[in-house]
C-alpha atoms as a PDB file:
ATOM      1  CA  MET A   1       0.000   0.000   0.000  1.00  0.00           C
ATOM      2  CA  ALA A   2       1.474   3.336  -1.053  1.00  0.00           C
ATOM      3  CA  THR A   3       2.027   6.013   1.588  1.00  0.00           C
ATOM      4  CA  ASP A   4      -0.091   8.551  -0.316  1.00  0.00           C
ATOM      5  CA  ASP A   5      -2.892   5.994  -0.525  1.00  0.00           C
ATOM      6  CA  VAL A   6      -2.878   5.629   3.269  1.00  0.00           C
ATOM      7  CA  ARG A   7      -3.078   9.391   3.752  1.00  0.00           C
ATOM      8  CA  THR A   8      -5.888   9.659   1.213  1.00  0.00           C
ATOM      9  CA  ARG A   9      -7.859   6.955   2.985  1.00  0.00           C
ATOM     10  CA  LEU A  10      -7.304   8.580   6.364  1.00  0.00           C
ATOM     11  CA  ARG A  11      -8.338  12.013   5.051  1.00  0.00           C
ATOM     12  CA  THR A  12     -11.451  10.560   3.408  1.00  0.00           C
ATOM     13  CA  ALA A  13     -12.375   8.840   6.663  1.00  0.00           C
ATOM     14  CA  LEU A  14     -11.744  12.125   8.512  1.00  0.00           C
ATOM     15  CA  THR A  15     -14.098  14.002   6.190  1.00  0.00           C
ATOM     16  CA  THR A  16     -16.765  11.343   6.724  1.00  0.00           C
ATOM     17  CA  ALA A  17     -16.329  11.479  10.511  1.00  0.00           C
ATOM     18  CA  MET A  18     -16.539  15.268  10.520  1.00  0.00           C
ATOM     19  CA  LYS A  19     -19.721  15.229   8.452  1.00  0.00           C
ATOM     20  CA  ALA A  20     -21.173  12.677  10.871  1.00  0.00           C
ATOM     21  CA  ARG A  21     -20.011  14.867  13.784  1.00  0.00           C
ATOM     22  CA  ASP A  22     -18.198  11.896  15.298  1.00  0.00           C
ATOM     23  CA  ARG A  23     -15.688  13.732  17.427  1.00  0.00           C
ATOM     24  CA  ASP A  24     -13.920  10.640  18.781  1.00  0.00           C
ATOM     25  CA  VAL A  25     -13.243   9.152  15.359  1.00  0.00           C
ATOM     26  CA  ALA A  26     -12.233  12.521  13.901  1.00  0.00           C
ATOM     27  CA  ALA A  27      -9.795  13.086  16.768  1.00  0.00           C
ATOM     28  CA  ALA A  28      -8.204   9.661  16.271  1.00  0.00           C
ATOM     29  CA  LEU A  29      -7.824  10.203  12.532  1.00  0.00           C
ATOM     30  CA  ARG A  30      -6.299  13.651  13.077  1.00  0.00           C
ATOM     31  CA  THR A  31      -3.859  12.171  15.576  1.00  0.00           C
ATOM     32  CA  VAL A  32      -2.644   9.564  13.092  1.00  0.00           C
ATOM     33  CA  LEU A  33      -2.314  12.108  10.278  1.00  0.00           C
ATOM     34  CA  ALA A  34      -0.359  14.408  12.601  1.00  0.00           C
ATOM     35  CA  ALA A  35       1.930  11.545  13.629  1.00  0.00           C
ATOM     36  CA  LEU A  36       2.697  10.884   9.964  1.00  0.00           C
ATOM     37  CA  ASP A  37       3.383  14.573   9.335  1.00  0.00           C
ATOM     38  CA  ASN A  38       5.623  14.797  12.395  1.00  0.00           C
ATOM     39  CA  ALA A  39       7.602  11.755  11.297  1.00  0.00           C
ATOM     40  CA  GLU A  40       8.422  13.514   8.028  1.00  0.00           C
ATOM     41  CA  ALA A  41       9.831  16.587   9.767  1.00  0.00           C
ATOM     42  CA  VAL A  42      13.559  17.113   9.799  1.00  0.00           C
ATOM     43  CA  ALA A  43      15.613  19.110  12.235  1.00  0.00           C
ATOM     44  CA  ALA A  44      16.006  22.769  11.323  1.00  0.00           C
ATOM     45  CA  PRO A  45      19.434  23.623   9.961  1.00  0.00           C
ATOM     46  CA  GLU A  46      21.828  25.266  12.376  1.00  0.00           C
ATOM     47  CA  PRO A  47      22.380  28.960  11.655  1.00  0.00           C
ATOM     48  CA  PRO A  48      25.897  29.928  10.738  1.00  0.00           C
ATOM     49  CA  VAL A  49      28.055  30.967  13.659  1.00  0.00           C
ATOM     50  CA  GLY A  50      28.086  34.711  14.068  1.00  0.00           C
ATOM     51  CA  ALA A  51      25.002  35.231  11.896  1.00  0.00           C
ATOM     52  CA  ASP A  52      23.976  38.870  12.164  1.00  0.00           C
ATOM     53  CA  SER A  53      20.268  38.883  12.983  1.00  0.00           C
ATOM     54  CA  PRO A  54      18.123  40.669  15.564  1.00  0.00           C
ATOM     55  CA  ILE A  55      16.445  37.328  16.287  1.00  0.00           C
ATOM     56  CA  ALA A  56      18.629  34.529  17.608  1.00  0.00           C
ATOM     57  CA  GLY A  57      18.832  31.673  15.135  1.00  0.00           C
ATOM     58  CA  ALA A  58      16.880  33.512  12.421  1.00  0.00           C
ATOM     59  CA  LEU A  59      17.744  32.983   8.792  1.00  0.00           C
ATOM     60  CA  SER A  60      17.280  35.625   6.139  1.00  0.00           C
ATOM     61  CA  GLY A  61      16.322  35.335   2.512  1.00  0.00           C
ATOM     62  CA  LEU A  62      13.411  33.720   0.751  1.00  0.00           C
ATOM     63  CA  GLY A  63      13.344  30.003   1.495  1.00  0.00           C
ATOM     64  CA  ALA A  64      16.426  30.140   3.712  1.00  0.00           C
ATOM     65  CA  GLY A  65      14.701  28.144   6.419  1.00  0.00           C
ATOM     66  CA  GLU A  66      13.185  25.545   4.109  1.00  0.00           C
ATOM     67  CA  ALA A  67      14.302  21.952   4.417  1.00  0.00           C
ATOM     68  CA  PRO A  68      13.139  18.964   2.398  1.00  0.00           C
ATOM     69  CA  ARG A  69      10.820  16.654   4.303  1.00  0.00           C
ATOM     70  CA  ARG A  70      11.868  13.118   5.066  1.00  0.00           C
ATOM     71  CA  GLU A  71      10.223  10.550   2.819  1.00  0.00           C
ATOM     72  CA  LEU A  72       8.540   7.722   4.715  1.00  0.00           C
ATOM     73  CA  THR A  73       8.617   4.193   3.395  1.00  0.00           C
ATOM     74  CA  GLU A  74       5.531   1.987   3.399  1.00  0.00           C
ATOM     75  CA  THR A  75       7.033   0.160   6.366  1.00  0.00           C
ATOM     76  CA  ASP A  76       7.505   3.456   8.249  1.00  0.00           C
ATOM     77  CA  VAL A  77       3.893   4.440   7.611  1.00  0.00           C
ATOM     78  CA  ALA A  78       2.588   1.021   8.657  1.00  0.00           C
ATOM     79  CA  MET A  79       4.639   1.112  11.871  1.00  0.00           C
ATOM     80  CA  ILE A  80       3.429   4.616  12.756  1.00  0.00           C
ATOM     81  CA  VAL A  81      -0.228   3.803  12.056  1.00  0.00           C
ATOM     82  CA  HIS A  82      -0.107   0.542  14.012  1.00  0.00           C
ATOM     83  CA  ALA A  83       1.661   2.258  16.930  1.00  0.00           C
ATOM     84  CA  GLU A  84      -1.044   4.946  17.022  1.00  0.00           C
ATOM     85  CA  ILE A  85      -3.787   2.288  16.968  1.00  0.00           C
ATOM     86  CA  ALA A  86      -2.041   0.461  19.816  1.00  0.00           C
ATOM     87  CA  ASP A  87      -1.764   3.728  21.800  1.00  0.00           C
ATOM     88  CA  LEU A  88      -5.471   4.443  21.329  1.00  0.00           C
ATOM     89  CA  ARG A  89      -6.411   0.954  22.505  1.00  0.00           C
ATOM     90  CA  ALA A  90      -4.029   1.126  25.474  1.00  0.00           C
ATOM     91  CA  SER A  91      -5.542   4.469  26.480  1.00  0.00           C
ATOM     92  CA  ALA A  92      -9.005   2.940  26.184  1.00  0.00           C
ATOM     93  CA  ASP A  93      -7.953   0.150  28.553  1.00  0.00           C
ATOM     94  CA  ASP A  94      -6.667   2.755  31.017  1.00  0.00           C
ATOM     95  CA  TYR A  95      -9.982   4.620  30.901  1.00  0.00           C
ATOM     96  CA  ASP A  96     -11.858   1.347  31.473  1.00  0.00           C
ATOM     97  CA  ARG A  97      -9.770   0.714  34.596  1.00  0.00           C
ATOM     98  CA  LEU A  98     -10.705   4.197  35.803  1.00  0.00           C
ATOM     99  CA  GLY A  99     -14.390   3.549  35.216  1.00  0.00           C
ATOM    100  CA  ARG A 100     -14.626   5.987  32.280  1.00  0.00           C
ATOM    101  CA  HIS A 101     -16.294   3.521  29.931  1.00  0.00           C
ATOM    102  CA  ASP A 102     -17.783   6.279  27.759  1.00  0.00           C
ATOM    103  CA  ARG A 103     -14.332   7.690  26.988  1.00  0.00           C
ATOM    104  CA  ALA A 104     -12.895   4.186  26.507  1.00  0.00           C
ATOM    105  CA  SER A 105     -15.542   3.321  23.932  1.00  0.00           C
ATOM    106  CA  GLY A 106     -14.819   6.561  22.060  1.00  0.00           C
ATOM    107  CA  LEU A 107     -11.111   5.748  21.882  1.00  0.00           C
ATOM    108  CA  ARG A 108     -11.859   2.220  20.701  1.00  0.00           C
ATOM    109  CA  ALA A 109     -14.187   3.581  18.029  1.00  0.00           C
ATOM    110  CA  GLY A 110     -11.380   5.846  16.866  1.00  0.00           C
ATOM    111  CA  ALA A 111      -8.880   2.980  16.803  1.00  0.00           C
ATOM    112  CA  ASP A 112     -11.334   0.820  14.870  1.00  0.00           C
ATOM    113  CA  ALA A 113     -11.959   3.620  12.348  1.00  0.00           C
ATOM    114  CA  VAL A 114      -8.234   4.108  11.769  1.00  0.00           C
ATOM    115  CA  ALA A 115      -7.738   0.359  11.343  1.00  0.00           C
ATOM    116  CA  ALA A 116     -10.656   0.205   8.893  1.00  0.00           C
ATOM    117  CA  ALA A 117      -9.330   3.176   6.922  1.00  0.00           C
ATOM    118  CA  VAL A 118      -5.934   1.612   6.349  1.00  0.00           C
ATOM    119  CA  ALA A 119      -7.105  -1.970   5.882  1.00  0.00           C
ATOM    120  CA  PRO A 120      -6.359  -3.376   2.447  1.00  0.00           C
ATOM    121  CA  THR A 121      -9.379  -3.421   0.173  1.00  0.00           C
END
């Protein structure tokens, strides 16, 4: 499954959840999409020593602070998505232990929606 295909499926599921006003599912889908975006981020380049700027660490010039994003492999995407699903389910178990069954069921619904969105068709 291509990485763009996974994102497209997650975004489509997010749109559906938002239209249905399913806050728990929408939150879970947003969390997974954010985790994928964060995994692509790279560290900002170090400013040159002695750079003359009124703001510490600032770079000047159009695009001076731009850095190419890291490209995730299909394995990277699968690992991130499965880790997020596992985190949602673990949090649901914690809420069950605390007697917050309503919150636990919402987290499980979100985990199930993410799993369904990325399941092979």
